[in-house]
Amino acid sequence: MYNEFLKDGFICSEGDLIALCNKWKRKLGLDAWDIRVSIVKSKCMEKEDSSGTNTFSLAKRCSIIHIIDPEDYPDDIPFEYDMEVTLVHELLHIPLKYFSEPPENTLEEFELEAFIDHQAKLLVSLSRKIDKLMEVN
């Protein structure tokens, strides 16, 4: 299912990740937010088996996003690691938090995460297709 939208993984530097964050902040209407993004080792991640985390305050409109270092991405996962999809996934949590906050480890949380993941993959895939079309013209 992961490769349904994306054929190749995408890995970038922290500087590129910051530029992508600024691009997606605009696209997702999060310009008023102070969002910091960094690449971290897996041992520093808040959740053990996640490729990204987002700690944010709706009231202060600030967010800290951690994206797992590609070197720490598990070898036993059969999907390409795509840092941009992980970033967009984490950014989508911000506006959706206004509508839903299911309890941890519930079916509702699992379904919300699956929905966000699907939307992130779709948005990144469409953005890349548009970028390719713009290059041709």
N, C-alpha and C. Protein backbone atom coordinates (compact mmCIF):
# COMPACT_ATOMS: atom_id res chain seq x y z
N MET A 1 0.82 -1.20 0.00
CA MET A 1 0.00 0.00 0.00
C MET A 1 0.86 1.26 0.00
N TYR A 2 2.00 1.23 0.67
CA TYR A 2 2.86 2.41 0.76
C TYR A 2 3.23 2.92 -0.62
N ASN A 3 3.57 2.02 -1.52
CA ASN A 3 4.01 2.41 -2.84
C ASN A 3 2.84 2.71 -3.79
N GLU A 4 1.64 2.73 -3.25
CA GLU A 4 0.47 3.03 -4.06
C GLU A 4 0.63 4.40 -4.72
N PHE A 5 1.18 5.37 -4.01
CA PHE A 5 1.34 6.72 -4.53
C PHE A 5 2.78 7.04 -4.89
N LEU A 6 3.71 6.45 -4.15
CA LEU A 6 5.11 6.83 -4.30
C LEU A 6 5.93 5.65 -4.79
N LYS A 7 6.67 5.86 -5.84
CA LYS A 7 7.49 4.78 -6.37
C LYS A 7 8.88 4.78 -5.76
N ASP A 8 9.40 5.94 -5.41
CA ASP A 8 10.74 6.04 -4.86
C ASP A 8 10.71 6.77 -3.53
N GLY A 9 11.56 6.32 -2.62
CA GLY A 9 11.70 7.01 -1.35
C GLY A 9 12.42 8.33 -1.56
N PHE A 10 12.38 9.16 -0.56
CA PHE A 10 13.01 10.47 -0.67
C PHE A 10 13.74 10.76 0.63
N ILE A 11 15.04 10.98 0.51
CA ILE A 11 15.87 11.28 1.67
C ILE A 11 16.57 12.60 1.40
N CYS A 12 16.65 13.46 2.41
CA CYS A 12 17.25 14.76 2.21
C CYS A 12 18.05 15.19 3.44
N SER A 13 18.75 16.29 3.29
CA SER A 13 19.52 16.85 4.39
C SER A 13 18.57 17.64 5.31
N GLU A 14 19.09 18.04 6.46
CA GLU A 14 18.26 18.83 7.38
C GLU A 14 17.90 20.18 6.77
N GLY A 15 18.83 20.78 6.02
CA GLY A 15 18.53 22.05 5.35
C GLY A 15 17.41 21.89 4.33
N ASP A 16 17.46 20.81 3.56
CA ASP A 16 16.39 20.54 2.59
C ASP A 16 15.07 20.30 3.30
N LEU A 17 15.13 19.62 4.44
CA LEU A 17 13.92 19.33 5.21
C LEU A 17 13.28 20.63 5.72
N ILE A 18 14.10 21.57 6.14
CA ILE A 18 13.59 22.87 6.59
C ILE A 18 12.92 23.60 5.42
N ALA A 19 13.53 23.55 4.24
CA ALA A 19 12.93 24.18 3.05
C ALA A 19 11.60 23.51 2.71
N LEU A 20 11.56 22.18 2.79
CA LEU A 20 10.31 21.46 2.54
C LEU A 20 9.24 21.84 3.57
N CYS A 21 9.67 22.01 4.81
CA CYS A 21 8.72 22.40 5.85
C CYS A 21 8.10 23.76 5.52
N ASN A 22 8.91 24.71 5.08
CA ASN A 22 8.40 26.03 4.72
C ASN A 22 7.44 25.94 3.54
N LYS A 23 7.77 25.10 2.56
CA LYS A 23 6.90 24.89 1.40
C LYS A 23 5.54 24.34 1.85
N TRP A 24 5.56 23.31 2.69
CA TRP A 24 4.32 22.67 3.11
C TRP A 24 3.54 23.51 4.13
N LYS A 25 4.22 24.33 4.90
CA LYS A 25 3.51 25.26 5.78
C LYS A 25 2.60 26.15 4.95
N ARG A 26 3.13 26.68 3.84
CA ARG A 26 2.32 27.53 2.96
C ARG A 26 1.16 26.75 2.36
N LYS A 27 1.46 25.56 1.84
CA LYS A 27 0.43 24.76 1.17
C LYS A 27 -0.69 24.35 2.12
N LEU A 28 -0.36 24.11 3.38
CA LEU A 28 -1.34 23.63 4.36
C LEU A 28 -1.94 24.76 5.20
N GLY A 29 -1.61 26.00 4.88
CA GLY A 29 -2.18 27.14 5.60
C GLY A 29 -1.66 27.28 7.02
N LEU A 30 -0.40 26.93 7.23
CA LEU A 30 0.19 26.99 8.57
C LEU A 30 1.25 28.09 8.67
N ASP A 31 1.13 29.12 7.84
CA ASP A 31 2.12 30.20 7.82
C ASP A 31 2.27 30.91 9.16
N ALA A 32 1.21 30.98 9.93
CA ALA A 32 1.27 31.68 11.22
C ALA A 32 1.97 30.87 12.30
N TRP A 33 2.33 29.64 11.99
CA TRP A 33 2.93 28.75 12.97
C TRP A 33 4.45 28.85 12.95
N ASP A 34 5.05 28.76 14.14
CA ASP A 34 6.50 28.64 14.28
C ASP A 34 6.79 27.14 14.36
N ILE A 35 7.30 26.58 13.28
CA ILE A 35 7.52 25.14 13.20
C ILE A 35 9.01 24.88 13.03
N ARG A 36 9.57 24.11 13.93
CA ARG A 36 10.97 23.70 13.85
C ARG A 36 11.02 22.22 13.49
N VAL A 37 11.88 21.87 12.57
CA VAL A 37 12.01 20.49 12.14
C VAL A 37 13.48 20.08 12.19
N SER A 38 13.71 18.86 12.65
CA SER A 38 15.09 18.36 12.70
C SER A 38 15.11 16.85 12.50
N ILE A 39 16.28 16.38 12.07
CA ILE A 39 16.51 14.96 11.91
C ILE A 39 17.16 14.46 13.19
N VAL A 40 16.60 13.40 13.76
CA VAL A 40 17.12 12.88 15.03
C VAL A 40 17.37 11.38 14.95
N LYS A 41 18.22 10.90 15.82
CA LYS A 41 18.49 9.47 15.92
C LYS A 41 17.26 8.79 16.53
N SER A 42 17.06 7.52 16.20
CA SER A 42 15.88 6.79 16.67
C SER A 42 15.79 6.74 18.18
N LYS A 43 16.92 6.69 18.86
CA LYS A 43 16.90 6.62 20.33
C LYS A 43 16.37 7.91 20.96
N CYS A 44 16.32 8.99 20.18
CA CYS A 44 15.81 10.27 20.69
C CYS A 44 14.33 10.48 20.36
N MET A 45 13.74 9.55 19.61
CA MET A 45 12.34 9.68 19.24
C MET A 45 11.45 9.40 20.45
N GLU A 46 10.36 10.14 20.55
CA GLU A 46 9.43 9.96 21.65
C GLU A 46 8.71 8.62 21.57
N LYS A 47 8.36 8.21 20.37
CA LYS A 47 7.70 6.92 20.16
C LYS A 47 8.70 6.01 19.47
N GLU A 48 8.83 4.79 19.98
CA GLU A 48 9.85 3.86 19.51
C GLU A 48 9.79 3.55 18.02
N ASP A 49 8.66 3.13 17.53
CA ASP A 49 8.59 2.67 16.15
C ASP A 49 7.90 3.67 15.22
N SER A 50 8.32 4.92 15.32
CA SER A 50 7.74 5.92 14.44
C SER A 50 8.84 6.60 13.64
N SER A 51 8.48 7.06 12.45
CA SER A 51 9.47 7.75 11.62
C SER A 51 9.43 9.25 11.81
N GLY A 52 8.44 9.73 12.60
CA GLY A 52 8.35 11.15 12.90
C GLY A 52 7.46 11.42 14.09
N THR A 53 7.72 12.52 14.76
CA THR A 53 6.87 12.95 15.87
C THR A 53 6.65 14.46 15.76
N ASN A 54 5.55 14.90 16.33
CA ASN A 54 5.21 16.32 16.32
C ASN A 54 4.68 16.69 17.70
N THR A 55 5.40 17.54 18.38
CA THR A 55 4.96 18.07 19.66
C THR A 55 4.59 19.53 19.41
N PHE A 56 3.32 19.87 19.69
CA PHE A 56 2.90 21.23 19.36
C PHE A 56 1.90 21.78 20.36
N SER A 57 1.75 23.09 20.31
CA SER A 57 0.79 23.81 21.14
C SER A 57 -0.14 24.58 20.21
N LEU A 58 -1.43 24.25 20.26
CA LEU A 58 -2.39 24.99 19.45
C LEU A 58 -2.49 26.43 19.91
N ALA A 59 -2.45 26.64 21.21
CA ALA A 59 -2.59 27.99 21.76
C ALA A 59 -1.42 28.89 21.37
N LYS A 60 -0.21 28.36 21.37
CA LYS A 60 0.98 29.15 21.05
C LYS A 60 1.36 29.09 19.58
N ARG A 61 0.69 28.21 18.83
CA ARG A 61 0.98 28.03 17.41
C ARG A 61 2.46 27.76 17.15
N CYS A 62 2.97 26.81 17.91
CA CYS A 62 4.36 26.41 17.70
C CYS A 62 4.45 24.88 17.70
N SER A 63 5.45 24.38 16.99
CA SER A 63 5.57 22.94 16.80
C SER A 63 7.03 22.55 16.67
N ILE A 64 7.36 21.39 17.21
CA ILE A 64 8.69 20.80 17.02
C ILE A 64 8.48 19.43 16.40
N ILE A 65 9.01 19.27 15.21
CA ILE A 65 8.87 18.01 14.48
C ILE A 65 10.23 17.34 14.41
N HIS A 66 10.25 16.08 14.80
CA HIS A 66 11.46 15.26 14.67
C HIS A 66 11.21 14.20 13.61
N ILE A 67 12.15 14.09 12.69
CA ILE A 67 12.11 13.08 11.64
C ILE A 67 13.29 12.14 11.86
N ILE A 68 13.03 10.84 11.80
CA ILE A 68 14.07 9.87 12.09
C ILE A 68 15.20 9.92 11.05
N ASP A 69 16.41 9.80 11.53
CA ASP A 69 17.59 9.74 10.68
C ASP A 69 17.46 8.54 9.74
N PRO A 70 17.66 8.75 8.44
CA PRO A 70 17.53 7.62 7.49
C PRO A 70 18.40 6.42 7.86
N GLU A 71 19.53 6.66 8.49
CA GLU A 71 20.40 5.54 8.90
C GLU A 71 19.72 4.64 9.93
N ASP A 72 18.75 5.19 10.66
CA ASP A 72 18.05 4.43 11.70
C ASP A 72 16.73 3.84 11.23
N TYR A 73 16.38 4.09 9.97
CA TYR A 73 15.12 3.54 9.46
C TYR A 73 15.28 2.02 9.39
N PRO A 74 14.35 1.28 9.99
CA PRO A 74 14.50 -0.18 10.08
C PRO A 74 14.64 -0.87 8.73
N ASP A 75 15.59 -1.79 8.65
CA ASP A 75 15.83 -2.55 7.42
C ASP A 75 14.71 -3.54 7.12
N ASP A 76 13.99 -3.96 8.15
CA ASP A 76 12.98 -5.00 7.95
C ASP A 76 11.64 -4.46 7.46
N ILE A 77 11.54 -3.16 7.24
CA ILE A 77 10.31 -2.57 6.71
C ILE A 77 10.43 -2.56 5.19
N PRO A 78 9.46 -3.15 4.49
CA PRO A 78 9.59 -3.32 3.04
C PRO A 78 9.26 -2.08 2.22
N PHE A 79 9.18 -0.91 2.84
CA PHE A 79 8.82 0.30 2.14
C PHE A 79 10.01 1.25 2.07
N GLU A 80 10.05 2.02 1.00
CA GLU A 80 11.06 3.06 0.89
C GLU A 80 10.77 4.14 1.94
N TYR A 81 11.82 4.68 2.51
CA TYR A 81 11.67 5.75 3.50
C TYR A 81 11.55 7.07 2.75
N ASP A 82 10.51 7.83 3.04
CA ASP A 82 10.28 9.10 2.38
C ASP A 82 10.11 10.18 3.43
N MET A 83 11.15 10.97 3.59
CA MET A 83 11.15 12.00 4.64
C MET A 83 10.09 13.07 4.39
N GLU A 84 9.83 13.38 3.14
CA GLU A 84 8.81 14.40 2.84
C GLU A 84 7.43 13.92 3.25
N VAL A 85 7.11 12.67 2.99
CA VAL A 85 5.82 12.13 3.41
C VAL A 85 5.71 12.16 4.93
N THR A 86 6.77 11.79 5.62
CA THR A 86 6.76 11.82 7.08
C THR A 86 6.54 13.24 7.57
N LEU A 87 7.21 14.20 6.96
CA LEU A 87 7.04 15.61 7.34
C LEU A 87 5.60 16.06 7.14
N VAL A 88 5.03 15.78 5.97
CA VAL A 88 3.65 16.20 5.69
C VAL A 88 2.68 15.51 6.64
N HIS A 89 2.93 14.24 6.92
CA HIS A 89 2.10 13.51 7.89
C HIS A 89 2.10 14.25 9.22
N GLU A 90 3.27 14.61 9.70
CA GLU A 90 3.35 15.30 11.00
C GLU A 90 2.70 16.68 10.94
N LEU A 91 2.85 17.39 9.84
CA LEU A 91 2.21 18.70 9.71
C LEU A 91 0.68 18.59 9.68
N LEU A 92 0.16 17.53 9.07
CA LEU A 92 -1.29 17.36 9.00
C LEU A 92 -1.92 17.14 10.38
N HIS A 93 -1.13 16.69 11.33
CA HIS A 93 -1.66 16.52 12.69
C HIS A 93 -2.11 17.85 13.29
N ILE A 94 -1.49 18.94 12.87
CA ILE A 94 -1.79 20.24 13.49
C ILE A 94 -3.24 20.65 13.24
N PRO A 95 -3.68 20.84 12.00
CA PRO A 95 -5.08 21.26 11.82
C PRO A 95 -6.09 20.20 12.25
N LEU A 96 -5.73 18.93 12.13
CA LEU A 96 -6.67 17.88 12.51
C LEU A 96 -6.87 17.79 14.02
N LYS A 97 -5.94 18.32 14.78
CA LYS A 97 -6.05 18.29 16.24
C LYS A 97 -7.26 19.09 16.71
N TYR A 98 -7.68 20.08 15.93
CA TYR A 98 -8.86 20.86 16.29
C TYR A 98 -10.13 20.01 16.26
N PHE A 99 -10.11 18.93 15.49
CA PHE A 99 -11.30 18.12 15.28
C PHE A 99 -11.32 16.80 16.03
N SER A 100 -10.15 16.22 16.26
CA SER A 100 -10.14 14.88 16.81
C SER A 100 -8.88 14.62 17.62
N GLU A 101 -9.07 14.01 18.76
CA GLU A 101 -7.95 13.57 19.59
C GLU A 101 -8.33 12.24 20.24
N PRO A 102 -8.24 11.17 19.46
CA PRO A 102 -8.64 9.87 20.01
C PRO A 102 -7.65 9.40 21.08
N PRO A 103 -8.12 8.60 22.01
CA PRO A 103 -7.22 8.03 23.02
C PRO A 103 -6.15 7.17 22.36
N GLU A 104 -4.97 7.13 22.99
CA GLU A 104 -3.86 6.34 22.45
C GLU A 104 -4.19 4.86 22.44
N ASN A 105 -3.62 4.17 21.46
CA ASN A 105 -3.75 2.72 21.32
C ASN A 105 -5.19 2.24 21.16
N THR A 106 -5.99 3.03 20.47
CA THR A 106 -7.37 2.63 20.20
C THR A 106 -7.56 2.49 18.70
N LEU A 107 -8.65 1.86 18.32
CA LEU A 107 -8.97 1.73 16.90
C LEU A 107 -9.12 3.11 16.27
N GLU A 108 -9.71 4.05 17.00
CA GLU A 108 -9.89 5.40 16.48
C GLU A 108 -8.54 6.05 16.17
N GLU A 109 -7.56 5.88 17.06
CA GLU A 109 -6.24 6.45 16.81
C GLU A 109 -5.59 5.78 15.60
N PHE A 110 -5.71 4.47 15.51
CA PHE A 110 -5.15 3.74 14.37
C PHE A 110 -5.75 4.23 13.06
N GLU A 111 -7.06 4.39 13.04
CA GLU A 111 -7.75 4.85 11.82
C GLU A 111 -7.37 6.28 11.47
N LEU A 112 -7.24 7.15 12.47
CA LEU A 112 -6.82 8.52 12.21
C LEU A 112 -5.42 8.54 11.62
N GLU A 113 -4.51 7.77 12.20
CA GLU A 113 -3.14 7.70 11.68
C GLU A 113 -3.12 7.17 10.25
N ALA A 114 -3.93 6.16 9.96
CA ALA A 114 -4.00 5.61 8.60
C ALA A 114 -4.53 6.67 7.62
N PHE A 115 -5.54 7.43 8.06
CA PHE A 115 -6.10 8.48 7.22
C PHE A 115 -5.06 9.56 6.93
N ILE A 116 -4.37 10.01 7.99
CA ILE A 116 -3.35 11.04 7.83
C ILE A 116 -2.23 10.54 6.91
N ASP A 117 -1.82 9.30 7.09
CA ASP A 117 -0.75 8.75 6.26
C ASP A 117 -1.18 8.70 4.80
N HIS A 118 -2.39 8.28 4.55
CA HIS A 118 -2.92 8.22 3.19
C HIS A 118 -2.93 9.61 2.56
N GLN A 119 -3.41 10.60 3.30
CA GLN A 119 -3.48 11.97 2.79
C GLN A 119 -2.09 12.54 2.53
N ALA A 120 -1.14 12.27 3.42
CA ALA A 120 0.23 12.76 3.23
C ALA A 120 0.84 12.19 1.96
N LYS A 121 0.66 10.90 1.74
CA LYS A 121 1.20 10.26 0.53
C LYS A 121 0.55 10.84 -0.72
N LEU A 122 -0.74 11.03 -0.66
CA LEU A 122 -1.46 11.58 -1.80
C LEU A 122 -1.00 13.01 -2.10
N LEU A 123 -0.91 13.85 -1.09
CA LEU A 123 -0.49 15.24 -1.29
C LEU A 123 0.92 15.32 -1.85
N VAL A 124 1.84 14.54 -1.31
CA VAL A 124 3.22 14.57 -1.79
C VAL A 124 3.29 14.06 -3.23
N SER A 125 2.58 12.99 -3.51
CA SER A 125 2.57 12.44 -4.86
C SER A 125 2.04 13.48 -5.86
N LEU A 126 0.94 14.12 -5.54
CA LEU A 126 0.37 15.14 -6.43
C LEU A 126 1.31 16.33 -6.58
N SER A 127 1.94 16.75 -5.50
CA SER A 127 2.88 17.86 -5.56
C SER A 127 4.06 17.53 -6.47
N ARG A 128 4.56 16.31 -6.37
CA ARG A 128 5.69 15.90 -7.22
C ARG A 128 5.28 15.82 -8.68
N LYS A 129 4.06 15.36 -8.94
CA LYS A 129 3.58 15.30 -10.33
C LYS A 129 3.45 16.71 -10.90
N ILE A 130 2.95 17.63 -10.12
CA ILE A 130 2.83 19.03 -10.57
C ILE A 130 4.21 19.61 -10.83
N ASP A 131 5.15 19.35 -9.92
CA ASP A 131 6.52 19.84 -10.10
C ASP A 131 7.13 19.32 -11.40
N LYS A 132 6.90 18.05 -11.71
CA LYS A 132 7.42 17.46 -12.95
C LYS A 132 6.78 18.11 -14.17
N LEU A 133 5.48 18.36 -14.11
CA LEU A 133 4.79 19.03 -15.22
C LEU A 133 5.33 20.43 -15.42
N MET A 134 5.61 21.11 -14.34
CA MET A 134 6.14 22.48 -14.43
C MET A 134 7.54 22.48 -15.04
N GLU A 135 8.33 21.44 -14.77
CA GLU A 135 9.67 21.33 -15.36
C GLU A 135 9.60 21.16 -16.87
N VAL A 136 8.62 20.39 -17.32
CA VAL A 136 8.48 20.12 -18.76
C VAL A 136 8.08 21.38 -19.51
N ASN A 137 7.22 22.18 -18.89
CA ASN A 137 6.73 23.41 -19.56
C ASN A 137 7.68 24.50 -19.35
